[in-house]
């Protein structure tokens, strides 16, 4: 699984003009699921996301997690994170997991953020064409791949 995590002052995701998820201060998390990903990947990424210390403390040092900062999470599924651009200019999405694997792992990741880490979690609509609006704060953008575990 791959995540692109952005610290935001606010973010909203809409489908056909209807808001499906919206947060004030927190994290916008784009979630890509690949063939071979497992529940262990979702667990590891949920813990890593919840624990990232990328919010400023009183001294202006990034030393607080999203929970410490009183923030929320907006999680949006995004199969294009699995893109390979190795051949030519047209990305290949062959590594993207199908719905049978991707939906349960995306849902598990979101549920773990809420249930195991106590975060408010808003969601996009899996598989839908979504419009995502955000204000990146910093900007702070982190990319995490569960296969690299770094």
Protein backbone atom coordinates (compact mmCIF):
# COMPACT_ATOMS: atom_id res chain seq x y z
CA UNK A 1 0.00 0.00 0.00
CA UNK A 2 1.13 3.51 -0.76
CA UNK A 3 0.05 6.69 0.95
CA UNK A 4 0.50 10.33 0.13
CA UNK A 5 -0.13 12.26 3.35
CA UNK A 6 -0.65 16.00 3.30
CA UNK A 7 -0.95 18.22 6.35
CA UNK A 8 -3.89 20.49 5.62
CA UNK A 9 -5.74 23.44 7.10
CA UNK A 10 -8.88 21.99 5.48
CA UNK A 11 -9.86 19.45 2.84
CA UNK A 12 -13.06 18.31 1.15
CA UNK A 13 -13.92 15.51 -1.26
CA UNK A 14 -17.04 15.59 -3.42
CA UNK A 15 -18.71 13.21 -5.85
CA UNK A 16 -21.00 14.76 -8.49
CA UNK A 17 -21.19 17.97 -6.47
CA UNK A 18 -22.13 16.22 -3.20
CA UNK A 19 -19.63 16.41 -0.32
CA UNK A 20 -18.76 12.93 0.93
CA UNK A 21 -16.08 13.98 3.40
CA UNK A 22 -14.70 17.19 4.85
CA UNK A 23 -12.23 18.08 7.59
CA UNK A 24 -10.73 21.20 9.09
CA UNK A 25 -7.13 20.90 10.32
CA UNK A 26 -5.64 17.46 9.87
CA UNK A 27 -4.38 15.04 7.26
CA UNK A 28 -5.53 14.36 3.73
CA UNK A 29 -4.43 10.78 3.02
CA UNK A 30 -4.47 9.41 -0.52
CA UNK A 31 -4.52 5.60 -0.37
CA UNK A 32 -3.32 3.23 -3.11
CA UNK A 33 -3.62 -0.55 -2.76
CA UNK A 34 -1.47 -2.95 -4.81
CA UNK A 35 -1.68 -6.67 -5.58
CA UNK A 36 -0.13 -8.59 -2.69
CA UNK A 37 -0.97 -6.03 0.00
CA UNK A 38 -2.25 -7.54 3.23
CA UNK A 39 -4.07 -6.55 6.42
CA UNK A 40 -0.62 -6.23 8.02
CA UNK A 41 0.15 -3.41 5.55
CA UNK A 42 -3.07 -1.61 6.54
CA UNK A 43 -2.28 -2.01 10.25
CA UNK A 44 1.29 -0.78 9.86
CA UNK A 45 0.23 2.23 7.77
CA UNK A 46 -2.58 3.18 10.15
CA UNK A 47 -0.18 3.18 13.10
CA UNK A 48 2.44 5.09 11.13
CA UNK A 49 -0.08 7.68 9.92
CA UNK A 50 -1.56 8.21 13.39
CA UNK A 51 1.89 8.54 14.94
CA UNK A 52 3.53 10.88 12.41
CA UNK A 53 4.78 13.93 14.27
CA UNK A 54 4.27 16.56 11.57
CA UNK A 55 2.27 19.21 13.45
CA UNK A 56 3.99 22.10 15.20
CA UNK A 57 4.31 22.31 18.97
CA UNK A 58 4.46 25.58 20.94
CA UNK A 59 8.08 26.11 19.81
CA UNK A 60 7.18 25.73 16.12
CA UNK A 61 8.85 22.32 15.88
CA UNK A 62 7.05 19.46 14.10
CA UNK A 63 6.63 17.36 17.22
CA UNK A 64 2.90 16.55 17.40
CA UNK A 65 0.76 13.86 15.80
CA UNK A 66 -2.59 14.57 14.20
CA UNK A 67 -4.32 13.45 17.41
CA UNK A 68 -2.05 15.65 19.56
CA UNK A 69 -2.96 18.59 17.31
CA UNK A 70 -6.71 17.86 17.56
CA UNK A 71 -6.92 17.11 13.84
CA UNK A 72 -8.90 14.69 11.71
CA UNK A 73 -8.19 12.51 8.67
CA UNK A 74 -9.76 12.59 5.23
CA UNK A 75 -8.89 9.31 3.47
CA UNK A 76 -9.35 9.11 -0.30
CA UNK A 77 -8.76 5.96 -2.36
CA UNK A 78 -6.48 6.60 -5.33
CA UNK A 79 -5.42 3.71 -7.56
CA UNK A 80 -3.15 6.01 -9.58
CA UNK A 81 -0.62 5.88 -6.72
CA UNK A 82 0.29 2.43 -8.06
CA UNK A 83 1.25 3.81 -11.48
CA UNK A 84 4.33 2.60 -13.28
CA UNK A 85 5.88 5.00 -15.79
CA UNK A 86 8.70 2.68 -16.73
CA UNK A 87 7.59 2.30 -20.35
CA UNK A 88 6.73 5.37 -22.37
CA UNK A 89 4.54 8.23 -21.24
CA UNK A 90 1.27 6.43 -20.57
CA UNK A 91 1.19 5.16 -16.97
CA UNK A 92 0.40 1.51 -16.35
CA UNK A 93 -1.88 0.62 -13.44
CA UNK A 94 -1.33 -3.13 -13.63
CA UNK A 95 -0.08 -3.16 -10.01
CA UNK A 96 -3.35 -1.73 -8.71
CA UNK A 97 -5.37 -4.21 -6.69
CA UNK A 98 -8.89 -5.05 -7.81
CA UNK A 99 -11.95 -4.13 -5.77
CA UNK A 100 -11.97 -7.52 -4.00
CA UNK A 101 -8.67 -6.67 -2.24
CA UNK A 102 -8.54 -2.88 -2.38
CA UNK A 103 -11.93 -2.11 -0.83
CA UNK A 104 -11.44 -4.25 2.32
CA UNK A 105 -7.89 -2.92 2.88
CA UNK A 106 -8.94 0.70 2.36
CA UNK A 107 -11.86 0.22 4.76
CA UNK A 108 -9.61 -1.54 7.28
CA UNK A 109 -7.07 1.30 7.14
CA UNK A 110 -9.82 3.87 7.77
CA UNK A 111 -11.42 1.81 10.56
CA UNK A 112 -8.10 1.32 12.32
CA UNK A 113 -7.38 5.05 12.29
CA UNK A 114 -10.69 5.57 14.05
CA UNK A 115 -11.01 2.52 16.29
CA UNK A 116 -7.40 1.82 17.26
CA UNK A 117 -6.08 5.40 17.18
CA UNK A 118 -9.14 7.45 18.11
CA UNK A 119 -9.12 9.71 15.08
CA UNK A 120 -12.09 11.25 13.33
CA UNK A 121 -12.00 9.83 9.81
CA UNK A 122 -13.91 11.15 6.82
CA UNK A 123 -13.81 9.29 3.50
CA UNK A 124 -14.09 9.65 -0.19
CA UNK A 125 -16.20 7.22 -2.23
CA UNK A 126 -14.19 4.23 -3.39
CA UNK A 127 -14.03 3.94 -7.17
CA UNK A 128 -15.90 7.18 -7.83
CA UNK A 129 -14.68 10.16 -9.81
CA UNK A 130 -13.95 12.60 -6.98
CA UNK A 131 -13.10 16.26 -6.70
CA UNK A 132 -10.62 16.89 -3.89
CA UNK A 133 -10.06 20.39 -2.56
CA UNK A 134 -7.39 21.13 0.02
CA UNK A 135 -5.12 23.72 1.45
CA UNK A 136 -1.74 22.09 2.09
CA UNK A 137 -0.28 23.51 5.30
CA UNK A 138 3.45 24.13 5.14
CA UNK A 139 3.45 22.57 2.61
CA UNK A 140 3.99 19.24 4.32
CA UNK A 141 3.66 16.15 2.12
CA UNK A 142 4.89 12.67 3.12
CA UNK A 143 4.94 9.53 0.96
CA UNK A 144 4.88 6.15 2.69
CA UNK A 145 5.04 2.71 1.07
CA UNK A 146 4.31 -0.28 3.29
CA UNK A 147 6.70 -2.43 1.27
CA UNK A 148 9.64 -0.16 2.11
CA UNK A 149 8.76 0.23 5.83
CA UNK A 150 10.90 3.33 6.23
